[in-house]
Amino acid sequence: MNYPFVDSARQNRILAGIPLSDYTRMAEHLKPVDWVSGQVVYEPGDAMDFVYFPTSCTASLVSNTQDGDSSELAMIGRDGMVGVSLALGSVSMNQRVMVQCSGQAYRMPTPVFVEELTRCTALQQLALCYVQVLITQMSQSIVCIGHHSVIERLCYWLLTNQDALACDQLRVTHEMISNMLGVRRESVTQALGKLQSAGHVASGRGKITILDRDGLASGVCECFSLVSETTRRLFEQVERMGARPAVWSSADGFAPLEDGHGTRLQKYQDAYDFAPVGFVSLDGQGQVIQTNLAGAILLDIQRSQSQLKHFLDFIVPSDQARFADFHQEVLSGKCRRHCELTLRGTDHRSESVVRIDATLDDEGDECQLVLVDVTQEKREMAERLAREREQQEMLVKQPYMVWFKDPDGHLISANANLIDNWQPLAQPGRLEKVDVQSMPWNFAERPSQSSSRPEL
């Protein structure tokens, strides 16, 4: 069975803070992208077609001078997003956005993000919280550049990236760090050399490994603790304000529930949405009412666009009549079996075989399907049967597979066809099966003797 991995984007702190009832709606629009160190995501004045949520990479807001010098204003990792100024009404980027450490991020189309800001209170609160985090970073960077040494600022940069990546290894070059700190590359190399001699880091080609976090923390400037503490306090404040105010969003048409019942129902909601099997509900005419994420993946549709699509449209023509009979049997309340059929191939996946178990809801109006992808299981079974057929054909065609000895002591080789055609030779007392290990090696050199038995 192929399990859909639908939750990896929630490694990002902002996406992780959104209630699952809202996140499952947004997840349809989140696409992974790979970023490499030095890549420019946006230039100043660029229209923001997408917002990005880093999960295993970091990016910087960079300011450049006319002479080409640059300096980092703020760093964005898995606790933030690129494009947060959309929450303040901006439609273009004011600074260059450059990738620091290679990794993965998830992108969401800007129109979807702007719409979700009005639908999801938690996303709005978290976005505004992160605006404050960036303001704190930018203001503190001014103090840091003017008053702290290169090695202090380097420790700050390394620790900040480690926290943003949740990883001890940073995939970044000395040249990139020098551009971010606004200092010469030689200064970065010298500072890294001192940290490496102290056993705090290990520097290699295109990567830096942090070996002793406490050692780096002992040499970092006070900017690191100030920014870290402010970030922690802001996110905690958002949580206290109620970033998860209800199990269901107002867009779903449900009223908020009390904490006790809400927590319990949230667990059922999570189990439904993120189950490794597909759940699909059909009305009496066979039209899709709703699906969970796994069901939407199997059908290759977006959940927001799944309603009123006929389930037969997802099935190969040769299986449609069989499913129609199965659906009517379920609606009659007499179904006691499952159904296996093939889903049509799409632009994103090939044909797949699913096993469907179904039941009728309490009101008798909806047919609730459980879809299990058995494509791999069927493929393995077909391969196993093909191997067995091949072996059987080989046994039939091989002329020397089983050896017998007749009453006169003559050796006889036989295959399945021979035994079928010469039944008298296979009767008890006429032939004795011989172990190949006990056969004389020179039996083929024995002179042939006349015999009344047929030539084999």
Protein backbone atom coordinates (compact mmCIF):
# COMPACT_ATOMS: atom_id res chain seq x y z
CA MET A 1 0.00 0.00 0.00
CA ASN A 2 1.25 3.49 -0.80
CA TYR A 3 0.87 5.83 2.14
CA PRO A 4 0.59 9.54 1.27
CA PHE A 5 3.03 11.71 3.14
CA VAL A 6 0.92 14.87 3.45
CA ASP A 7 2.28 16.44 6.61
CA SER A 8 5.92 17.35 5.84
CA ALA A 9 5.09 21.04 5.18
CA ARG A 10 4.12 21.35 8.85
CA GLN A 11 7.79 21.28 9.77
CA ASN A 12 7.38 25.00 9.19
CA ARG A 13 6.34 26.72 12.41
CA ILE A 14 3.68 28.94 10.85
CA LEU A 15 2.00 26.05 9.03
CA ALA A 16 2.29 23.90 12.15
CA GLY A 17 0.38 26.52 14.13
CA ILE A 18 -2.66 26.41 11.86
CA PRO A 19 -5.58 24.16 12.93
CA LEU A 20 -5.77 21.00 10.84
CA SER A 21 -9.29 21.84 9.70
CA ASP A 22 -7.80 24.90 7.95
CA TYR A 23 -4.47 23.34 7.04
CA THR A 24 -6.07 20.47 5.10
CA ARG A 25 -7.70 23.08 2.87
CA MET A 26 -4.39 24.89 2.32
CA ALA A 27 -2.37 21.69 1.83
CA GLU A 28 -3.85 21.24 -1.63
CA HIS A 29 -2.03 24.40 -2.75
CA LEU A 30 1.35 23.72 -1.10
CA LYS A 31 4.04 22.47 -3.48
CA PRO A 32 7.64 21.56 -2.47
CA VAL A 33 10.54 23.41 -4.10
CA ASP A 34 14.28 22.82 -3.75
CA TRP A 35 16.49 25.81 -3.04
CA VAL A 36 20.27 25.97 -3.43
CA SER A 37 22.68 28.26 -1.63
CA GLY A 38 23.12 31.58 -3.44
CA GLN A 39 19.85 31.32 -5.36
CA VAL A 40 17.95 34.62 -5.67
CA VAL A 41 14.24 34.08 -5.01
CA TYR A 42 13.07 37.70 -5.36
CA GLU A 43 14.66 41.00 -6.36
CA PRO A 44 13.49 44.35 -4.99
CA GLY A 45 10.30 45.42 -6.77
CA ASP A 46 9.41 41.90 -7.96
CA ALA A 47 5.75 40.97 -7.77
CA MET A 48 5.24 38.12 -5.31
CA ASP A 49 3.60 35.31 -7.25
CA PHE A 50 4.17 32.87 -4.40
CA VAL A 51 4.80 32.89 -0.67
CA TYR A 52 7.35 30.37 0.61
CA PHE A 53 7.49 28.39 3.85
CA PRO A 54 11.01 27.01 4.47
CA THR A 55 11.28 23.60 6.13
CA SER A 56 14.92 22.54 5.68
CA CYS A 57 16.58 25.66 4.27
CA THR A 58 17.21 29.29 5.18
CA ALA A 59 16.96 32.53 3.19
CA SER A 60 18.00 36.10 3.89
CA LEU A 61 16.52 39.51 3.30
CA VAL A 62 19.54 41.30 1.79
CA SER A 63 20.22 44.97 1.19
CA ASN A 64 22.67 45.94 -1.59
CA THR A 65 24.62 49.13 -2.25
CA GLN A 66 25.26 50.66 -5.67
CA ASP A 67 28.85 49.41 -5.44
CA GLY A 68 27.63 45.83 -5.12
CA ASP A 69 28.29 45.38 -1.40
CA SER A 70 25.60 43.53 0.54
CA SER A 71 24.49 42.96 4.08
CA GLU A 72 21.90 40.68 5.67
CA LEU A 73 18.91 42.37 7.29
CA ALA A 74 17.08 39.29 8.55
CA MET A 75 17.18 35.53 8.23
CA ILE A 76 14.14 33.36 7.40
CA GLY A 77 13.98 29.69 8.37
CA ARG A 78 11.41 27.12 9.38
CA ASP A 79 9.86 29.52 11.91
CA GLY A 80 8.88 32.00 9.20
CA MET A 81 7.96 32.66 5.59
CA VAL A 82 9.01 34.64 2.52
CA GLY A 83 6.31 37.11 1.48
CA VAL A 84 4.89 37.93 4.89
CA SER A 85 4.55 41.60 3.88
CA LEU A 86 1.40 40.53 2.00
CA ALA A 87 -0.27 40.51 5.42
CA LEU A 88 0.40 44.27 5.55
CA GLY A 89 -1.04 44.93 2.10
CA SER A 90 2.21 44.98 0.09
CA VAL A 91 2.17 43.25 -3.30
CA SER A 92 5.89 43.45 -4.15
CA MET A 93 9.19 42.59 -2.47
CA ASN A 94 11.22 45.44 -0.98
CA GLN A 95 14.50 43.53 -0.50
CA ARG A 96 16.42 40.84 -2.31
CA VAL A 97 15.66 37.36 -1.00
CA MET A 98 18.68 35.06 -1.29
CA VAL A 99 18.98 31.43 -0.18
CA GLN A 100 21.62 30.90 2.50
CA CYS A 101 21.56 27.17 3.24
CA SER A 102 20.27 24.72 0.63
CA GLY A 103 17.16 22.68 1.33
CA GLN A 104 13.43 22.51 0.76
CA ALA A 105 10.58 24.99 1.09
CA TYR A 106 6.87 24.88 0.26
CA ARG A 107 5.26 27.48 -1.92
CA MET A 108 1.66 28.71 -2.00
CA PRO A 109 0.17 30.93 -4.73
CA THR A 110 -0.23 34.49 -3.54
CA PRO A 111 -4.00 34.70 -4.28
CA VAL A 112 -4.58 31.60 -2.14
CA PHE A 113 -2.51 33.04 0.73
CA VAL A 114 -4.36 36.38 0.63
CA GLU A 115 -7.72 34.58 0.64
CA GLU A 116 -6.66 32.36 3.53
CA LEU A 117 -5.64 35.41 5.56
CA THR A 118 -9.32 36.40 5.60
CA ARG A 119 -10.59 32.86 6.27
CA CYS A 120 -8.09 31.62 8.86
CA THR A 121 -7.62 33.73 11.98
CA ALA A 122 -4.63 31.65 13.08
CA LEU A 123 -2.74 32.31 9.83
CA GLN A 124 -3.39 36.03 10.13
CA GLN A 125 -2.15 36.12 13.74
CA LEU A 126 0.94 34.05 12.96
CA ALA A 127 1.80 36.18 9.91
CA LEU A 128 1.57 39.40 11.92
CA CYS A 129 3.62 37.81 14.67
CA TYR A 130 6.34 37.00 12.17
CA VAL A 131 6.31 40.58 10.88
CA GLN A 132 7.29 41.60 14.43
CA VAL A 133 10.03 38.94 14.47
CA LEU A 134 11.53 40.36 11.26
CA ILE A 135 11.37 43.92 12.63
CA THR A 136 13.27 42.73 15.71
CA GLN A 137 15.93 41.05 13.59
CA MET A 138 16.38 44.09 11.33
CA SER A 139 16.68 46.58 14.18
CA GLN A 140 19.14 44.40 16.09
CA SER A 141 21.28 43.82 12.99
CA ILE A 142 22.04 47.56 12.92
CA VAL A 143 23.46 47.36 16.44
CA CYS A 144 25.31 44.13 15.70
CA ILE A 145 27.07 45.41 12.57
CA GLY A 146 28.31 48.55 14.32
CA HIS A 147 29.42 47.18 17.68
CA HIS A 148 30.36 43.47 17.49
CA SER A 149 33.36 41.62 16.10
CA VAL A 150 33.32 39.30 13.08
CA ILE A 151 33.71 36.18 15.21
CA GLU A 152 30.82 37.24 17.50
CA ARG A 153 28.59 37.91 14.52
CA LEU A 154 29.66 34.63 12.91
CA CYS A 155 28.65 32.71 16.05
CA TYR A 156 25.30 34.52 15.95
CA TRP A 157 24.85 33.62 12.28
CA LEU A 158 25.74 29.94 12.81
CA LEU A 159 23.49 29.50 15.86
CA THR A 160 20.57 31.27 14.18
CA ASN A 161 20.85 29.01 11.14
CA GLN A 162 21.14 25.92 13.31
CA ASP A 163 17.91 26.81 15.10
CA ALA A 164 16.17 27.65 11.83
CA LEU A 165 17.18 24.35 10.23
CA ALA A 166 17.03 22.08 13.30
CA CYS A 167 20.24 20.57 11.90
CA ASP A 168 23.91 20.62 12.90
CA GLN A 169 25.19 20.69 9.32
CA LEU A 170 24.88 23.87 7.28
CA ARG A 171 25.33 23.62 3.50
CA VAL A 172 26.85 27.03 2.81
CA THR A 173 30.10 28.52 1.49
CA HIS A 174 32.51 31.03 3.08
CA GLU A 175 31.67 33.41 0.24
CA MET A 176 27.96 33.29 1.09
CA ILE A 177 28.63 33.99 4.78
CA SER A 178 30.86 36.94 3.93
CA ASN A 179 28.11 38.41 1.76
CA MET A 180 25.58 38.01 4.56
CA LEU A 181 27.84 39.55 7.22
CA GLY A 182 29.09 42.30 4.90
CA VAL A 183 32.77 41.49 5.54
CA ARG A 184 35.70 40.17 3.49
CA ARG A 185 35.82 36.44 2.75
CA GLU A 186 39.27 36.25 4.39
CA SER A 187 37.78 37.53 7.64
CA VAL A 188 35.19 34.74 7.63
CA THR A 189 37.85 32.11 6.88
CA GLN A 190 40.02 33.36 9.77
CA ALA A 191 37.09 33.42 12.20
CA LEU A 192 36.01 29.90 11.17
CA GLY A 193 39.60 28.74 11.61
CA LYS A 194 39.58 29.93 15.22
CA LEU A 195 36.24 28.23 15.91
CA GLN A 196 37.50 25.03 14.32
CA SER A 197 40.72 25.09 16.38
CA ALA A 198 38.57 25.43 19.50
CA GLY A 199 36.55 22.36 18.46
CA HIS A 200 33.31 24.27 18.04
CA VAL A 201 32.83 23.62 14.30
CA ALA A 202 34.20 21.52 11.45
CA SER A 203 34.50 23.38 8.15
CA GLY A 204 34.58 21.56 4.82
CA ARG A 205 33.98 22.36 1.17
CA GLY A 206 30.50 23.86 0.94
CA LYS A 207 29.43 22.84 4.44
CA ILE A 208 29.95 23.68 8.10
CA THR A 209 29.16 21.23 10.92
CA ILE A 210 28.43 22.56 14.39
CA LEU A 211 30.15 20.30 16.95
CA ASP A 212 29.82 22.29 20.17
CA ARG A 213 26.77 24.54 20.45
CA ASP A 214 27.64 25.62 23.99
CA GLY A 215 31.09 26.69 22.78
CA LEU A 216 29.55 28.88 20.11
CA ALA A 217 27.03 30.28 22.61
CA SER A 218 29.89 31.32 24.90
CA GLY A 219 31.37 33.50 22.17
CA VAL A 220 28.22 34.94 20.63
CA CYS A 221 27.11 38.55 21.09
CA GLU A 222 24.02 39.43 23.14
CA CYS A 223 22.00 39.94 19.93
CA PHE A 224 21.41 36.21 19.63
CA SER A 225 19.71 35.78 23.01
CA LEU A 226 17.72 39.00 22.56
CA VAL A 227 16.31 38.00 19.14
CA SER A 228 15.70 34.38 20.23
CA GLU A 229 13.87 35.42 23.38
CA THR A 230 11.75 37.98 21.54
CA THR A 231 10.79 35.40 18.89
CA ARG A 232 9.86 32.83 21.53
CA ARG A 233 7.78 35.35 23.48
CA LEU A 234 5.89 36.53 20.39
CA PHE A 235 4.91 33.03 19.32
CA GLU A 236 3.82 32.14 22.85
CA GLN A 237 1.70 35.28 22.92
CA VAL A 238 -0.02 34.22 19.69
CA GLU A 239 -0.75 30.80 21.18
CA ARG A 240 -2.28 32.41 24.26
CA MET A 241 -4.41 34.63 22.02
CA GLY A 242 -5.84 31.45 20.55
CA ALA A 243 -4.14 30.55 17.31
CA ARG A 244 -6.29 27.39 17.46
CA PRO A 245 -9.67 28.87 18.42
CA ALA A 246 -11.90 26.06 17.19
CA VAL A 247 -11.96 22.58 15.76
CA TRP A 248 -13.88 23.83 12.72
CA SER A 249 -13.32 27.12 10.95
CA SER A 250 -16.23 29.46 10.37
CA ALA A 251 -15.95 28.72 6.65
CA ASP A 252 -16.99 25.11 7.37
CA GLY A 253 -20.30 26.29 8.79
CA PHE A 254 -19.72 24.88 12.31
CA ALA A 255 -19.77 26.74 15.58
CA PRO A 256 -16.67 26.63 17.85
CA LEU A 257 -16.74 23.92 20.52
CA GLU A 258 -15.61 23.95 24.13
CA ASP A 259 -12.02 22.85 24.76
CA GLY A 260 -12.85 19.39 26.13
CA HIS A 261 -15.17 18.37 23.31
CA GLY A 262 -13.09 20.24 20.75
CA THR A 263 -9.92 18.35 21.63
CA ARG A 264 -11.70 15.03 21.36
CA LEU A 265 -13.35 15.88 18.04
CA GLN A 266 -10.07 17.28 16.74
CA LYS A 267 -8.55 13.81 17.19
CA TYR A 268 -11.34 12.30 15.09
CA GLN A 269 -10.84 15.03 12.51
CA ASP A 270 -7.10 14.31 12.38
CA ALA A 271 -7.68 10.56 12.10
CA TYR A 272 -10.05 11.14 9.18
CA ASP A 273 -7.95 13.69 7.31
CA PHE A 274 -4.55 12.01 7.70
CA ALA A 275 -5.51 8.32 7.58
CA PRO A 276 -3.31 6.26 5.20
CA VAL A 277 -6.43 5.00 3.37
CA GLY A 278 -8.90 6.97 1.30
CA PHE A 279 -12.34 7.90 2.64
CA VAL A 280 -14.90 8.98 0.05
CA SER A 281 -18.60 9.69 0.64
CA LEU A 282 -21.10 9.39 -2.23
CA ASP A 283 -24.71 10.46 -2.47
CA GLY A 284 -27.45 8.21 -3.81
CA GLN A 285 -26.56 9.12 -7.41
CA GLY A 286 -22.90 8.24 -6.93
CA GLN A 287 -21.63 11.81 -6.79
CA VAL A 288 -18.72 12.65 -4.47
CA ILE A 289 -19.77 14.55 -1.34
CA GLN A 290 -16.41 14.71 0.44
CA THR A 291 -13.02 12.99 0.71
CA ASN A 292 -10.07 12.96 3.07
CA LEU A 293 -6.54 13.79 1.85
CA ALA A 294 -5.65 10.20 0.93
CA GLY A 295 -8.89 9.86 -1.03
CA ALA A 296 -8.20 13.09 -2.91
CA ILE A 297 -4.70 11.85 -3.76
CA LEU A 298 -6.02 8.53 -5.05
CA LEU A 299 -8.59 10.31 -7.23
CA ASP A 300 -6.08 13.05 -8.15
CA ILE A 301 -8.45 15.89 -7.31
CA GLN A 302 -8.43 18.88 -4.99
CA ARG A 303 -10.76 18.46 -2.06
CA SER A 304 -12.24 21.89 -2.63
CA GLN A 305 -13.22 20.79 -6.15
CA SER A 306 -14.34 17.24 -5.40
CA GLN A 307 -18.03 17.85 -4.81
CA LEU A 308 -20.60 16.89 -7.46
CA LYS A 309 -18.08 14.86 -9.46
CA HIS A 310 -19.47 11.42 -10.32
CA PHE A 311 -17.36 8.60 -8.91
CA LEU A 312 -17.79 6.59 -12.12
CA ASP A 313 -15.73 9.24 -13.93
CA PHE A 314 -12.66 8.13 -11.96
CA ILE A 315 -13.05 4.44 -12.92
CA VAL A 316 -11.86 2.75 -16.12
CA PRO A 317 -14.84 2.01 -18.43
CA SER A 318 -14.53 -1.77 -18.10
CA ASP A 319 -15.16 -1.56 -14.32
CA GLN A 320 -17.92 1.06 -14.25
CA ALA A 321 -20.87 -1.33 -14.53
CA ARG A 322 -19.47 -3.54 -11.78
CA PHE A 323 -19.11 -0.57 -9.43
CA ALA A 324 -22.62 0.69 -10.29
CA ASP A 325 -24.03 -2.69 -9.18
CA PHE A 326 -21.88 -2.59 -6.06
CA HIS A 327 -23.07 0.95 -5.22
CA GLN A 328 -26.74 -0.06 -5.55
CA GLU A 329 -26.11 -3.09 -3.37
CA VAL A 330 -24.64 -0.85 -0.67
CA LEU A 331 -27.58 1.56 -0.88
CA SER A 332 -29.96 -1.37 -0.43
CA GLY A 333 -28.25 -2.21 2.86
CA LYS A 334 -27.48 -5.79 1.76
CA CYS A 335 -23.83 -5.43 0.77
CA ARG A 336 -21.57 -7.97 2.50
CA ARG A 337 -18.60 -7.95 0.18
CA HIS A 338 -15.85 -5.72 -1.14
CA CYS A 339 -15.10 -4.58 -4.67
CA GLU A 340 -11.81 -4.29 -6.54
CA LEU A 341 -11.52 -2.00 -9.53
CA THR A 342 -9.06 0.13 -11.48
CA LEU A 343 -8.94 3.92 -11.28
CA ARG A 344 -8.17 5.84 -14.46
CA GLY A 345 -4.66 7.12 -15.01
CA THR A 346 -4.12 10.89 -14.90
CA ASP A 347 -1.38 13.35 -15.77
CA HIS A 348 0.07 12.86 -12.28
CA ARG A 349 -0.22 9.09 -11.77
CA SER A 350 -0.77 5.87 -13.69
CA GLU A 351 -3.75 3.54 -13.34
CA SER A 352 -4.13 2.11 -9.84
CA VAL A 353 -6.06 -0.83 -8.43
CA VAL A 354 -8.08 -0.16 -5.29
CA ARG A 355 -10.01 -2.36 -2.93
CA ILE A 356 -13.27 -0.74 -1.84
CA ASP A 357 -15.22 -1.55 1.30
CA ALA A 358 -18.45 0.36 1.77
CA THR A 359 -21.26 0.95 4.19
CA LEU A 360 -24.41 3.03 4.41
CA ASP A 361 -24.61 5.98 6.79
CA ASP A 362 -27.11 6.08 9.67
CA GLU A 363 -29.65 8.05 7.63
CA GLY A 364 -29.36 5.70 4.67
CA ASP A 365 -28.58 8.54 2.26
CA GLU A 366 -24.81 8.33 1.81
CA CYS A 367 -22.52 5.53 0.67
CA GLN A 368 -19.27 5.73 2.63
CA LEU A 369 -16.30 4.15 0.84
CA VAL A 370 -12.92 3.06 2.19
CA LEU A 371 -10.33 2.91 -0.62
CA VAL A 372 -7.12 0.94 -0.16
CA ASP A 373 -4.46 1.12 -2.87
CA VAL A 374 -3.52 -2.51 -3.70
CA THR A 375 -1.68 -1.73 -6.94
CA GLN A 376 1.68 -2.90 -5.61
CA GLU A 377 0.13 -5.99 -4.06
CA LYS A 378 -1.54 -6.92 -7.37
CA ARG A 379 1.66 -6.26 -9.29
CA GLU A 380 3.67 -8.51 -6.98
CA MET A 381 1.03 -11.24 -7.23
CA ALA A 382 1.05 -11.05 -11.03
CA GLU A 383 4.85 -11.27 -11.08
CA ARG A 384 4.77 -14.27 -8.74
CA LEU A 385 2.19 -16.09 -10.91
CA ALA A 386 4.23 -15.31 -14.01
CA ARG A 387 7.33 -16.83 -12.41
CA GLU A 388 5.37 -19.94 -11.41
CA ARG A 389 4.03 -20.36 -14.95
CA GLU A 390 7.53 -19.92 -16.34
CA GLN A 391 8.89 -22.57 -13.98
CA GLN A 392 6.10 -24.99 -14.88
CA GLU A 393 6.75 -24.50 -18.58
CA MET A 394 10.44 -25.05 -18.00
CA LEU A 395 9.77 -28.30 -16.14
CA VAL A 396 7.54 -29.53 -18.96
CA LYS A 397 10.11 -28.73 -21.63
CA GLN A 398 13.19 -30.05 -19.82
CA PRO A 399 13.95 -33.64 -21.00
CA TYR A 400 16.14 -34.68 -18.08
CA MET A 401 14.66 -33.66 -14.77
CA VAL A 402 13.65 -36.86 -12.90
CA TRP A 403 15.50 -40.16 -12.94
CA PHE A 404 14.00 -43.66 -12.50
CA LYS A 405 15.42 -47.18 -12.44
CA ASP A 406 13.45 -50.01 -14.06
CA PRO A 407 13.30 -53.57 -12.63
CA ASP A 408 16.34 -54.53 -14.73
CA GLY A 409 18.42 -51.73 -13.24
CA HIS A 410 18.34 -49.48 -16.28
CA LEU A 411 18.30 -45.69 -15.64
CA ILE A 412 15.43 -43.75 -17.22
CA SER A 413 15.00 -39.95 -17.35
CA ALA A 414 11.49 -38.55 -17.46
CA ASN A 415 9.65 -35.27 -17.43
CA ALA A 416 5.99 -34.54 -16.67
CA ASN A 417 4.76 -35.16 -20.20
CA LEU A 418 6.52 -38.51 -20.38
CA ILE A 419 5.03 -39.73 -17.14
CA ASP A 420 1.55 -38.67 -18.32
CA ASN A 421 1.97 -40.54 -21.62
CA TRP A 422 3.56 -43.69 -20.22
CA GLN A 423 1.45 -44.42 -17.18
CA PRO A 424 2.37 -48.13 -17.11
CA LEU A 425 5.98 -47.21 -16.46
CA ALA A 426 4.94 -45.15 -13.47
CA GLN A 427 2.92 -47.93 -11.77
CA PRO A 428 4.15 -49.10 -8.35
CA GLY A 429 6.75 -51.83 -8.62
CA ARG A 430 7.69 -51.02 -12.20
CA LEU A 431 9.90 -47.92 -11.64
CA GLU A 432 12.00 -46.84 -8.69
CA LYS A 433 12.85 -43.15 -8.29
CA VAL A 434 16.60 -42.54 -8.01
CA ASP A 435 18.39 -39.80 -6.09
CA VAL A 436 20.63 -37.96 -8.55
CA GLN A 437 23.45 -37.93 -5.99
CA SER A 438 23.55 -41.74 -5.96
CA MET A 439 23.78 -42.16 -9.74
CA PRO A 440 27.07 -43.53 -11.16
CA TRP A 441 29.02 -40.85 -12.98
CA ASN A 442 29.82 -43.25 -15.85
CA PHE A 443 26.29 -44.42 -16.47
CA ALA A 444 26.23 -42.71 -19.84
CA GLU A 445 29.21 -44.83 -20.96
CA ARG A 446 27.49 -48.16 -20.28
CA PRO A 447 26.83 -50.08 -23.49
CA SER A 448 23.26 -50.05 -24.58
CA GLN A 449 21.39 -53.31 -24.15
CA SER A 450 18.46 -54.52 -26.12
CA SER A 451 15.24 -54.24 -24.29
CA SER A 452 11.62 -54.72 -25.07
CA ARG A 453 10.75 -51.43 -23.38
CA PRO A 454 9.98 -48.50 -25.67
CA GLU A 455 12.76 -46.02 -26.50
CA LEU A 456 12.43 -42.92 -24.39
